Amino acid sequence: MEGYLGIDVGSVTTKLVLINREAEVLWSTYRKTQGQPIRVLQGALSDLYNDLSPRVLGVGATGSGRGLVDHLIGADVVKNEITAHAVAAIRHYPKVQSVIEIGGQDSKLIIIRDGVVVDFSMNTVCAAGTGSFLEHQALRLGLRIEELGSIALNANAPVRIAGRCTVFAESDMIHKQQMGHNLEDIVAGLCEALVRNYLSNLARGKELREPILFQGGVAANRGIRAAFERELGKEIIVPRHHNIMGAIGAALLALETTPPESRFRGFSLARHRLVSTSFYCDDCPNTCGVIEVSDGESVIARWGDNCGKWSSALGS
């Protein structure tokens, strides 16, 4: 078996996808990064090899950890999340005009016209509405994150919750609980508050035309989807592979590039003893923070230096 590997390493989750030449998903995984991206990547590669033992024809990397993937595993294409999510959306829904993407730590809005990205916005400052915040609130309410959506749909009168920031939203939820509002109305109110926050921060001055896709892990929350539909008065489409669309986009980019020989370093990397450290270079006023990865006693990758002094020493 052979295929193209797409890797999306985010601050909260790591996603890997293998597609064939027809862009069909052959294998995928979605797992928590847990602050250990190297260990998670090694585990995912090991599982892929054990399941399919494929020949990798190309590798695409995206996400906040795309630099790590590039230096550690060997990527043929390295692109930002906007590009990766847009490519996947257009491939699966050629007429798509708007993409809402909410991940573990940030949110994105992508505006597409005639198959081309014409505008986008990102919110990496406020965590309100992201997967991490919703998971925290579910834990505080004694619920599983998977339950929030169905509970919100059973609400009769969603309460008004301040959703401007995580601190205000949480304190307002606690206040509403103390006042005696039922759980369903509080959870539904939270969903509506987070949607208003998203639209006011990312969609201000932008026209969200249909078809509208909802991607990212939060798209699994039916309460958030319903709140978007109420606020916009439009249908929201959740793709089948909504939680791994970034990785699919990275794999599609590798497929389109079709490198004559991939930079993929092989599945044996999953068995190596890899250690990540960092240091600051004081040779100039930039004081660059350099990341260094060692395989046993050998340094195999360095990055983060603006001038290339440390990375070029390894031939990067």
Protein backbone atom coordinates (compact mmCIF):
# COMPACT_ATOMS: atom_id res chain seq x y z
CA MET A 1 0.00 0.00 0.00
CA GLU A 2 1.18 3.53 -0.74
CA GLY A 3 -0.14 6.99 -0.04
CA TYR A 4 0.41 10.58 1.01
CA LEU A 5 0.73 11.49 4.67
CA GLY A 6 -0.77 14.66 6.13
CA ILE A 7 0.24 15.77 9.63
CA ASP A 8 -1.45 18.55 11.62
CA VAL A 9 0.20 19.20 14.98
CA GLY A 10 -1.70 21.70 17.09
CA SER A 11 -1.27 22.90 20.65
CA VAL A 12 -4.01 20.56 21.89
CA THR A 13 -4.38 17.76 19.33
CA THR A 14 -2.28 15.94 16.76
CA LYS A 15 -3.90 14.58 13.59
CA LEU A 16 -2.41 12.23 10.98
CA VAL A 17 -4.08 11.15 7.73
CA LEU A 18 -2.98 8.83 4.92
CA ILE A 19 -4.70 9.29 1.55
CA ASN A 20 -4.29 7.45 -1.74
CA ARG A 21 -3.80 8.93 -5.22
CA GLU A 22 -7.58 9.41 -5.49
CA ALA A 23 -7.52 11.50 -2.27
CA GLU A 24 -9.49 8.86 -0.36
CA VAL A 25 -8.76 8.61 3.37
CA LEU A 26 -7.11 5.25 4.04
CA TRP A 27 -6.17 5.81 7.68
CA SER A 28 -6.46 8.58 10.24
CA THR A 29 -5.88 9.33 13.89
CA TYR A 30 -6.89 12.17 16.21
CA ARG A 31 -5.17 12.29 19.58
CA LYS A 32 -4.30 14.69 22.39
CA THR A 33 -0.86 16.28 22.11
CA GLN A 34 -0.60 16.57 25.93
CA GLY A 35 2.48 18.78 25.70
CA GLN A 36 4.52 15.94 24.19
CA PRO A 37 4.30 16.30 20.39
CA ILE A 38 7.35 14.13 19.71
CA ARG A 39 6.04 11.20 21.74
CA VAL A 40 2.57 11.53 20.22
CA LEU A 41 4.00 11.67 16.68
CA GLN A 42 6.11 8.59 17.34
CA GLY A 43 3.10 6.72 18.68
CA ALA A 44 0.96 7.71 15.69
CA LEU A 45 3.66 6.65 13.21
CA SER A 46 4.04 3.34 14.99
CA ASP A 47 0.29 2.70 14.82
CA LEU A 48 0.17 3.61 11.12
CA TYR A 49 3.01 1.24 10.34
CA ASN A 50 1.48 -1.58 12.37
CA ASP A 51 -1.91 -1.10 10.70
CA LEU A 52 -0.93 -0.63 7.05
CA SER A 53 2.89 -0.64 6.61
CA PRO A 54 2.45 1.83 3.73
CA ARG A 55 4.99 3.29 1.36
CA VAL A 56 4.86 7.05 1.92
CA LEU A 57 5.06 8.98 -1.35
CA GLY A 58 4.94 12.44 0.19
CA VAL A 59 4.40 14.27 3.48
CA GLY A 60 2.53 17.51 4.12
CA ALA A 61 2.74 19.35 7.44
CA THR A 62 0.54 22.05 8.97
CA GLY A 63 -0.50 23.38 12.36
CA SER A 64 1.45 25.29 14.97
CA GLY A 65 3.89 22.36 15.19
CA ARG A 66 4.54 22.11 11.45
CA GLY A 67 8.17 23.18 11.94
CA LEU A 68 8.69 20.25 14.28
CA VAL A 69 7.25 17.85 11.71
CA ASP A 70 9.41 19.33 8.96
CA HIS A 71 12.66 18.96 10.89
CA LEU A 72 11.86 15.72 12.68
CA ILE A 73 9.93 13.56 10.22
CA GLY A 74 10.78 15.24 6.94
CA ALA A 75 8.02 17.15 5.13
CA ASP A 76 7.79 17.80 1.40
CA VAL A 77 5.20 20.58 1.84
CA VAL A 78 4.86 22.88 4.87
CA LYS A 79 1.83 25.20 4.90
CA ASN A 80 -0.15 27.21 7.45
CA GLU A 81 -3.52 26.08 8.77
CA ILE A 82 -5.52 28.52 6.63
CA THR A 83 -4.13 27.00 3.43
CA ALA A 84 -4.55 23.41 4.62
CA HIS A 85 -8.16 23.83 5.78
CA ALA A 86 -9.11 25.73 2.62
CA VAL A 87 -7.60 23.07 0.33
CA ALA A 88 -9.49 20.28 2.13
CA ALA A 89 -12.76 22.24 2.13
CA ILE A 90 -12.57 23.04 -1.58
CA ARG A 91 -11.66 19.45 -2.47
CA HIS A 92 -14.68 18.01 -0.64
CA TYR A 93 -17.11 20.89 -1.32
CA PRO A 94 -16.00 22.71 -4.50
CA LYS A 95 -18.72 25.37 -4.13
CA VAL A 96 -17.84 26.26 -0.53
CA GLN A 97 -17.73 30.02 0.16
CA SER A 98 -17.15 30.22 3.92
CA VAL A 99 -15.24 28.02 6.37
CA ILE A 100 -15.68 28.26 10.13
CA GLU A 101 -12.87 26.43 11.93
CA ILE A 102 -12.63 26.15 15.71
CA GLY A 103 -9.84 24.10 17.21
CA GLY A 104 -8.40 23.45 20.62
CA GLN A 105 -6.80 26.85 21.19
CA ASP A 106 -7.75 29.15 18.32
CA SER A 107 -10.46 29.99 15.80
CA LYS A 108 -10.36 30.80 12.09
CA LEU A 109 -12.69 32.15 9.42
CA ILE A 110 -11.85 31.59 5.76
CA ILE A 111 -13.70 33.39 2.95
CA ILE A 112 -13.58 31.62 -0.42
CA ARG A 113 -14.86 32.82 -3.77
CA ASP A 114 -14.70 30.71 -6.95
CA GLY A 115 -12.34 28.22 -5.32
CA VAL A 116 -9.85 30.87 -4.15
CA VAL A 117 -9.21 32.18 -0.62
CA VAL A 118 -9.92 35.92 -0.74
CA ASP A 119 -9.92 36.75 2.98
CA PHE A 120 -9.39 35.18 6.37
CA SER A 121 -9.14 36.03 10.04
CA MET A 122 -7.74 34.25 13.08
CA ASN A 123 -8.25 34.61 16.80
CA THR A 124 -5.25 33.28 18.73
CA VAL A 125 -5.61 35.61 21.74
CA CYS A 126 -8.97 34.78 23.34
CA ALA A 127 -9.70 31.12 24.12
CA ALA A 128 -13.45 31.64 24.57
CA GLY A 129 -15.26 29.16 22.36
CA THR A 130 -12.30 26.92 21.64
CA GLY A 131 -12.18 23.22 22.41
CA SER A 132 -10.05 23.68 25.52
CA PHE A 133 -12.51 26.13 27.07
CA LEU A 134 -15.53 23.94 26.30
CA GLU A 135 -13.79 20.89 27.74
CA HIS A 136 -12.97 22.83 30.90
CA GLN A 137 -16.59 23.93 31.30
CA ALA A 138 -17.86 20.39 30.73
CA LEU A 139 -15.51 19.13 33.44
CA ARG A 140 -16.66 21.86 35.82
CA LEU A 141 -20.30 20.89 35.19
CA GLY A 142 -19.55 17.20 35.70
CA LEU A 143 -20.19 16.36 32.05
CA ARG A 144 -18.31 14.67 29.25
CA ILE A 145 -17.42 17.04 26.40
CA GLU A 146 -19.46 14.83 24.05
CA GLU A 147 -22.61 15.53 26.09
CA LEU A 148 -22.63 19.33 25.77
CA GLY A 149 -24.19 19.44 22.31
CA SER A 150 -27.14 17.16 23.02
CA ILE A 151 -27.83 18.88 26.36
CA ALA A 152 -27.89 22.30 24.66
CA LEU A 153 -30.43 21.07 22.11
CA ASN A 154 -32.85 20.21 24.94
CA ALA A 155 -32.97 23.79 26.25
CA ASN A 156 -36.25 25.70 26.32
CA ALA A 157 -34.99 29.17 27.23
CA PRO A 158 -31.22 29.63 26.84
CA VAL A 159 -29.89 32.09 29.40
CA ARG A 160 -27.92 35.15 28.36
CA ILE A 161 -24.23 34.61 29.18
CA ALA A 162 -21.40 37.09 28.72
CA GLY A 163 -19.09 35.43 26.22
CA ARG A 164 -16.54 38.18 25.65
CA CYS A 165 -13.78 36.22 27.39
CA THR A 166 -13.27 32.95 29.23
CA VAL A 167 -13.13 34.58 32.66
CA PHE A 168 -16.41 36.49 32.24
CA ALA A 169 -18.15 33.51 30.62
CA GLU A 170 -17.22 31.15 33.43
CA SER A 171 -18.13 33.57 36.23
CA ASP A 172 -21.45 34.35 34.51
CA MET A 173 -22.23 30.63 34.19
CA ILE A 174 -21.57 30.13 37.89
CA HIS A 175 -23.84 33.09 38.70
CA LYS A 176 -26.64 31.66 36.54
CA GLN A 177 -26.30 28.30 38.28
CA GLN A 178 -26.56 30.00 41.68
CA MET A 179 -29.69 31.79 40.51
CA GLY A 180 -31.30 28.41 39.79
CA HIS A 181 -31.33 28.18 35.99
CA ASN A 182 -31.40 24.60 34.75
CA LEU A 183 -28.40 22.90 33.17
CA GLU A 184 -29.85 22.70 29.65
CA ASP A 185 -30.53 26.44 29.46
CA ILE A 186 -27.08 27.30 30.85
CA VAL A 187 -25.25 25.06 28.35
CA ALA A 188 -27.34 26.41 25.46
CA GLY A 189 -26.64 29.94 26.64
CA LEU A 190 -22.93 29.15 26.69
CA CYS A 191 -23.08 27.88 23.09
CA GLU A 192 -24.88 31.03 21.95
CA ALA A 193 -22.44 33.29 23.81
CA LEU A 194 -19.43 31.62 22.22
CA VAL A 195 -20.96 31.89 18.75
CA ARG A 196 -21.63 35.61 19.27
CA ASN A 197 -18.03 36.02 20.41
CA TYR A 198 -16.75 34.25 17.29
CA LEU A 199 -18.89 36.30 14.91
CA SER A 200 -18.08 39.64 16.55
CA ASN A 201 -14.33 38.95 16.60
CA LEU A 202 -13.74 37.14 13.31
CA ALA A 203 -16.70 37.87 11.06
CA ARG A 204 -16.99 41.63 11.58
CA GLY A 205 -17.23 43.27 8.16
CA LYS A 206 -17.19 39.93 6.34
CA GLU A 207 -20.02 38.32 4.40
CA LEU A 208 -20.55 34.65 5.20
CA ARG A 209 -22.09 33.20 2.07
CA GLU A 210 -23.40 29.66 1.69
CA PRO A 211 -22.31 26.92 1.50
CA ILE A 212 -20.75 27.34 4.95
CA LEU A 213 -18.56 24.54 6.34
CA PHE A 214 -17.87 24.06 10.04
CA GLN A 215 -14.52 22.34 10.64
CA GLY A 216 -12.36 21.51 13.64
CA GLY A 217 -12.99 19.46 16.77
CA VAL A 218 -15.67 21.83 18.09
CA ALA A 219 -17.82 21.12 15.00
CA ALA A 220 -18.84 17.88 16.74
CA ASN A 221 -20.79 20.00 19.24
CA ARG A 222 -24.34 20.09 17.86
CA GLY A 223 -25.23 22.92 20.23
CA ILE A 224 -22.59 25.20 18.73
CA ARG A 225 -23.70 24.26 15.21
CA ALA A 226 -27.34 25.02 16.04
CA ALA A 227 -26.34 28.35 17.59
CA PHE A 228 -24.47 29.34 14.42
CA GLU A 229 -27.53 28.47 12.32
CA ARG A 230 -29.79 30.58 14.56
CA GLU A 231 -27.43 33.58 14.55
CA LEU A 232 -26.74 33.48 10.80
CA GLY A 233 -30.11 32.17 9.61
CA LYS A 234 -28.20 29.84 7.28
CA GLU A 235 -27.42 26.13 7.04
CA ILE A 236 -24.11 25.00 8.54
CA ILE A 237 -22.50 21.92 6.97
CA VAL A 238 -20.26 19.72 9.12
CA PRO A 239 -18.00 17.56 6.91
CA ARG A 240 -17.62 13.87 7.65
CA HIS A 241 -13.94 14.35 8.53
CA HIS A 242 -14.44 17.72 10.22
CA ASN A 243 -11.89 17.10 12.99
CA ILE A 244 -9.01 16.11 10.66
CA MET A 245 -9.58 18.49 7.73
CA GLY A 246 -6.27 20.28 8.38
CA ALA A 247 -4.36 17.01 8.08
CA ILE A 248 -6.35 16.07 4.97
CA GLY A 249 -5.44 19.42 3.43
CA ALA A 250 -1.75 18.83 4.20
CA ALA A 251 -1.95 15.39 2.58
CA LEU A 252 -3.69 16.86 -0.48
CA LEU A 253 -0.91 19.45 -0.83
CA ALA A 254 1.66 16.65 -0.76
CA LEU A 255 -0.39 14.78 -3.39
CA GLU A 256 -0.51 17.86 -5.62
CA THR A 257 3.25 18.41 -5.24
CA THR A 258 4.10 14.74 -5.89
CA PRO A 259 7.80 14.93 -4.98
CA PRO A 260 10.09 12.66 -7.06
CA GLU A 261 11.53 11.39 -3.78
CA SER A 262 9.96 12.17 -0.43
CA ARG A 263 11.94 13.62 2.49
CA PHE A 264 10.09 11.24 4.82
CA ARG A 265 12.65 9.75 7.21
CA GLY A 266 10.85 6.46 7.65
CA PHE A 267 8.79 4.65 10.26
CA SER A 268 11.87 3.52 12.16
CA LEU A 269 11.86 7.00 13.69
CA ALA A 270 9.04 5.79 15.93
CA ARG A 271 11.47 3.51 17.78
CA HIS A 272 14.23 6.07 18.31
CA ARG A 273 14.98 7.74 21.63
CA LEU A 274 14.26 11.37 20.73
CA VAL A 275 14.79 14.19 23.22
CA SER A 276 13.91 17.85 22.72
CA THR A 277 15.81 20.65 24.49
CA SER A 278 16.21 24.39 23.94
CA PHE A 279 18.71 27.16 24.56
CA TYR A 280 19.16 30.87 23.84
CA CYS A 281 21.95 32.10 21.59
CA ASP A 282 23.61 35.27 22.93
CA ASP A 283 25.88 35.89 19.93
CA CYS A 284 23.76 38.85 18.79
CA PRO A 285 20.96 41.09 20.14
CA ASN A 286 18.28 38.81 18.62
CA THR A 287 18.81 36.28 21.43
CA CYS A 288 17.12 33.55 19.39
CA GLY A 289 15.52 30.61 21.16
CA VAL A 290 16.91 27.50 19.46
CA ILE A 291 15.12 24.15 19.60
CA GLU A 292 17.36 21.10 19.48
CA VAL A 293 16.31 17.47 18.98
CA SER A 294 18.68 14.63 19.75
CA ASP A 295 18.48 11.00 18.67
CA GLY A 296 20.45 9.24 21.36
CA GLU A 297 23.81 11.02 21.47
CA SER A 298 23.43 12.69 18.07
CA VAL A 299 21.76 16.04 17.37
CA ILE A 300 19.49 15.51 14.34
CA ALA A 301 17.64 18.85 14.12
CA ARG A 302 17.85 22.47 15.21
CA TRP A 303 15.62 25.40 14.34
CA GLY A 304 14.55 28.80 15.65
CA ASP A 305 17.76 30.71 14.82
CA ASN A 306 17.09 33.65 12.51
CA CYS A 307 20.56 33.70 10.99
CA GLY A 308 20.86 29.94 10.48
CA LYS A 309 24.05 29.60 12.51
CA TRP A 310 22.90 26.57 14.47
CA SER A 311 20.58 24.93 11.94
CA SER A 312 23.04 25.25 9.06
CA ALA A 313 25.65 23.43 11.13
CA LEU A 314 23.50 20.32 10.64
CA GLY A 315 22.94 20.96 6.95
CA SER A 316 19.29 21.99 7.46
